[in-house]
Amino acid sequence: MRSFLIPVLTCVMALPLGAQAADRPKAEALVKEGLAFMKANGKEKLLDEIQKGSGKFHVKPGSTLYLAAYDLNGTVLAHGADAALKGLNRLNVKDPDGVQYIKLQIAAGQQKGGGWVNFKRLNPETRKIEAKTSYCLAENGVVVFCGIYQ
């Protein structure tokens, strides 16, 4: 019986990861594309592209992928889904479980190769609090994030 349960539990636990697994490379690629754009065009051009509603890195209809950029102190430099956040310090923001995910994203972004952070956030499509994971990568004092709902 025990040998039967392990594969079943593994499959059940992996079910929510299907969509996530497909979008993880897209999120990571978008962050890297944003940082390449910054290298080629400068920090201000990247922030403008993220912030403006029609920007290359702004959320598009039918998609939840967008970039957000923070400084190392947790201040929003640009946000591709909520322009009103620009200029706010969100370092101590917590998700419903008390996870200070902005702090974690900044720390993960400063690791060599960046990193992923798990937290919960309101999904604008479902209007429900859902699990989210965010790829984070920092360069020249700017941490760029792109998250996907699990």
Foldseek 3Di string as FASTA:
>chain_A
DVVVVVVVVVVVVCVVCPVVVVCVVVFLVLQVVLVVCCVVPNDVVSQVLQADQPHPQADDPPDQWHKWKAFLQQATCHHRDDNVSHGPRLQCPAAPVRDSQSNVQSVQQDPVVGDKDWHWDQDPVVRDIFIKMWTWHDDPRMIMIIMDGD
